[in-house]
C-alpha cells in the first residue's frame, strides 16, 4: 500500500538542485552567470537526452535556450562554448553534443563546487551511454 493518499500527487523531481543552490550564493555577474548558463543548458540537455532528440519541441527549446544564453553577460569564449552545445543539440548531433558538453564542464569547473559536479558528470555519462532512463 502506498504511503501517499489516493488523491496526492507524487513530488516533482528537481534536477541539478546543487547548481541552483550554488548560483544563489554567488554574487551577481561573473561566475553566477556561468553557473546559470550551465544550469539552463543542463536542464535542456537532460530533456534532449530523454526525449526524441529531433522533435519539434526539442528544436524549439534549443532555439529558446540560444536566445536566453545570448542575453547573459558571459565572456566571449564562454558564450562560444555554450553556443556550440546548443547548435549540436539543434542538429541532433549526439557526438557533437557530448564533445560540447565536455568543453562546457571544463569551462564551468572553476565556478563549480563539490555538490554540483556529480550531477553534471552523471549527465555526461548519460549522454555517452545513450541512456534514456
Protein backbone atom coordinates (compact mmCIF):
# COMPACT_ATOMS: atom_id res chain seq x y z
CA UNK A 1 0.00 0.00 0.00
CA UNK A 2 1.28 3.44 -0.91
CA UNK A 3 2.20 5.93 1.81
CA UNK A 4 0.50 8.71 -0.18
CA UNK A 5 -3.25 9.24 -0.06
CA UNK A 6 -5.01 8.31 -3.32
CA UNK A 7 -5.57 11.97 -4.24
CA UNK A 8 -1.96 13.06 -3.66
CA UNK A 9 0.48 13.83 -6.43
CA UNK A 10 3.99 12.50 -6.34
CA UNK A 11 6.52 15.24 -5.65
CA UNK A 12 8.27 16.53 -8.77
CA UNK A 13 11.93 15.77 -9.28
CA UNK A 14 14.07 18.88 -9.42
CA UNK A 15 17.27 18.12 -11.28
CA UNK A 16 20.53 19.96 -10.69
CA UNK A 17 19.44 21.33 -7.31
CA UNK A 18 23.06 21.87 -6.25
CA UNK A 19 23.66 24.18 -9.24
CA UNK A 20 20.76 26.40 -8.26
CA UNK A 21 21.95 26.47 -4.65
CA UNK A 22 25.40 27.48 -5.85
CA UNK A 23 24.03 30.21 -8.13
CA UNK A 24 22.00 31.76 -5.33
CA UNK A 25 25.12 32.10 -3.17
CA UNK A 26 27.32 33.68 -5.84
CA UNK A 27 27.45 37.46 -6.38
CA UNK A 28 25.82 38.91 -9.48
CA UNK A 29 27.76 38.60 -12.73
CA UNK A 30 30.85 36.54 -13.42
CA UNK A 31 30.64 33.02 -12.06
CA UNK A 32 26.94 33.32 -11.30
CA UNK A 33 26.16 33.91 -14.98
CA UNK A 34 28.33 30.93 -15.88
CA UNK A 35 26.57 28.68 -13.34
CA UNK A 36 23.13 29.82 -14.51
CA UNK A 37 24.03 29.16 -18.15
CA UNK A 38 25.32 25.71 -17.17
CA UNK A 39 22.12 25.01 -15.23
CA UNK A 40 19.78 26.01 -18.06
CA UNK A 41 21.71 24.13 -20.72
CA UNK A 42 21.93 21.07 -18.45
CA UNK A 43 18.15 21.07 -17.98
CA UNK A 44 17.55 21.37 -21.72
CA UNK A 45 20.21 18.74 -22.43
CA UNK A 46 18.65 16.32 -19.91
CA UNK A 47 15.30 16.56 -21.67
CA UNK A 48 17.03 16.31 -25.05
CA UNK A 49 18.62 13.03 -23.93
CA UNK A 50 15.30 11.63 -22.65
CA UNK A 51 13.00 12.68 -25.46
CA UNK A 52 13.45 12.05 -29.12
CA UNK A 53 16.37 14.28 -29.99
CA UNK A 54 14.95 15.60 -33.23
CA UNK A 55 11.42 16.52 -32.19
CA UNK A 56 9.96 19.91 -32.98
CA UNK A 57 9.72 20.61 -29.25
CA UNK A 58 13.42 19.88 -28.83
CA UNK A 59 14.25 22.20 -31.72
CA UNK A 60 12.12 24.96 -30.20
CA UNK A 61 13.71 24.55 -26.77
CA UNK A 62 17.18 24.72 -28.30
CA UNK A 63 16.28 27.93 -30.13
CA UNK A 64 14.86 29.45 -26.96
CA UNK A 65 17.95 28.47 -25.00
CA UNK A 66 20.17 30.05 -27.65
CA UNK A 67 18.38 33.40 -27.26
CA UNK A 68 18.48 33.19 -23.48
CA UNK A 69 22.23 32.45 -23.38
CA UNK A 70 22.85 35.39 -25.71
CA UNK A 71 21.21 37.67 -23.14
CA UNK A 72 23.69 36.70 -20.42
CA UNK A 73 26.84 38.64 -19.62
CA UNK A 74 29.34 35.91 -20.46
CA UNK A 75 32.90 36.29 -21.69
CA UNK A 76 33.13 35.71 -25.46
CA UNK A 77 34.92 32.35 -25.09
CA UNK A 78 32.24 31.08 -22.69
CA UNK A 79 29.47 32.25 -24.98
CA UNK A 80 31.04 30.35 -27.90
CA UNK A 81 31.19 27.11 -25.90
CA UNK A 82 27.52 27.34 -24.92
CA UNK A 83 26.50 28.23 -28.48
CA UNK A 84 28.38 25.18 -29.81
CA UNK A 85 26.49 22.96 -27.37
CA UNK A 86 23.14 24.44 -28.35
CA UNK A 87 23.96 24.19 -32.06
CA UNK A 88 24.85 20.50 -31.67
CA UNK A 89 21.53 19.87 -29.89
CA UNK A 90 19.67 21.68 -32.67
CA UNK A 91 21.36 19.45 -35.28
CA UNK A 92 20.65 16.32 -33.15
CA UNK A 93 24.37 15.57 -33.34
CA UNK A 94 24.96 13.28 -30.33
CA UNK A 95 28.78 13.06 -30.73
CA UNK A 96 28.90 16.84 -31.14
CA UNK A 97 26.72 17.29 -28.05
CA UNK A 98 28.96 15.00 -25.99
CA UNK A 99 32.10 16.89 -27.06
CA UNK A 100 30.47 20.29 -26.47
CA UNK A 101 29.19 19.21 -23.03
CA UNK A 102 32.71 18.13 -22.03
CA UNK A 103 34.01 21.58 -23.09
CA UNK A 104 31.19 23.18 -21.09
CA UNK A 105 32.14 21.16 -17.99
CA UNK A 106 35.80 22.17 -18.38
CA UNK A 107 34.81 25.80 -18.71
CA UNK A 108 32.43 25.73 -15.74
CA UNK A 109 34.76 23.73 -13.47
CA UNK A 110 36.30 26.86 -11.94
CA UNK A 111 32.91 28.03 -10.66
CA UNK A 112 31.54 24.65 -9.52
CA UNK A 113 31.56 23.29 -6.01
CA UNK A 114 31.74 19.64 -4.99
CA UNK A 115 27.98 19.24 -4.72
CA UNK A 116 27.26 20.35 -8.30
CA UNK A 117 29.87 18.23 -10.05
CA UNK A 118 28.30 14.75 -9.60
CA UNK A 119 25.02 15.76 -11.29
CA UNK A 120 26.86 17.25 -14.25
CA UNK A 121 29.14 14.22 -14.58
CA UNK A 122 26.07 11.96 -14.41
CA UNK A 123 24.59 13.85 -17.34
CA UNK A 124 27.84 13.37 -19.27
CA UNK A 125 27.69 9.64 -18.56
CA UNK A 126 24.04 9.52 -19.61
CA UNK A 127 24.93 11.14 -22.93
CA UNK A 128 27.88 8.81 -23.50
CA UNK A 129 25.84 5.66 -22.90
CA UNK A 130 22.75 6.90 -24.71
CA UNK A 131 20.66 6.02 -21.65
CA UNK A 132 17.10 7.32 -21.68
CA UNK A 133 16.18 6.39 -18.11
